[in-house]
């Protein structure tokens, strides 16, 4: 699995680089996808975030109509702590999770997406996710002060059910494999140097352990600070509001990343304490702590293609 991931990463870059140089390519080039080419009211604030995702969670951004975004995400093992260090090449020998996904702009405000994750195994593996996302409001220079986007996501695990009925992965009925996430992402771009967002999130899992609760509320927060026109720094945190006596071992997801946008690609290198990608993984099932070295390197490569 590790070798396959590395090869996929290399092939994607080499292939897309060659693809972008051909005259007949339908890939979105750096110039063709520049936000300045999008026909919008001059009063609308563009580019609050550079991608539809931040690190783990969604941003307020949606794809333009007819644009397909293919995403490859990989997360390695612990850099330090008891499972990290030089013996695992600081986590590079291990794979916490892998996700392949397609996202598509149905209209300039409505997009859909579908992905498949390896899953962390705590408690899910073989995880499918699908979402719909709609931009309700756009920030304006004179008018609406924020952008608001609604997101609805469903995840489904098709892993083989455990014979141990005390495990969440025992799945007594097929509906127990489902989880639902509803989010409202609210963001504001402050001048040209800072973007901020908050994302109230309601997560419901149909089947949980005896020491857990089915429905959780979390509040995500993110900041983007540009270093240059194409490079920015991202910070993302999700606070889960829970009964500490019930979910003693859980921690909150915290990540920092460097994002590079060029030639139809969005490339993000991140460090985070969460192992999984989708909301039904990183919100309720993050157990690792930064203070113990239980954080890991990850990357995301997004490649946009536009319908002729």
Foldseek 3Di string as FASTA:
>chain_A
DLVVLVVVVVCVVVVVVVLLPDPPHQFQFQVNPPPVPDDDDPFFDPCLDDDQAFAQHGALADDAAQKKKKKKKWWFFFQDFPPHDVVCPSRSVGTQKIKIKMKHDNHRFKIKMKMWMQHRPLPAGGKIKIKIKGWPDTDGNPDRQKTKMKMKMKMFGPDDADPPPQGLSNCPDRLQRMKIKIKMKIKGRDPPFKIKIKIWMWIAGPTDHPLDDGIWIKMKIKMWGAPDPFKIKMKIWIGIDDDCVSQVQADIKIKIWMWGDRTQKIKIKMKILFSDRHPVGRGRPRRGDVVSSNITIMMMIMGMGGDD
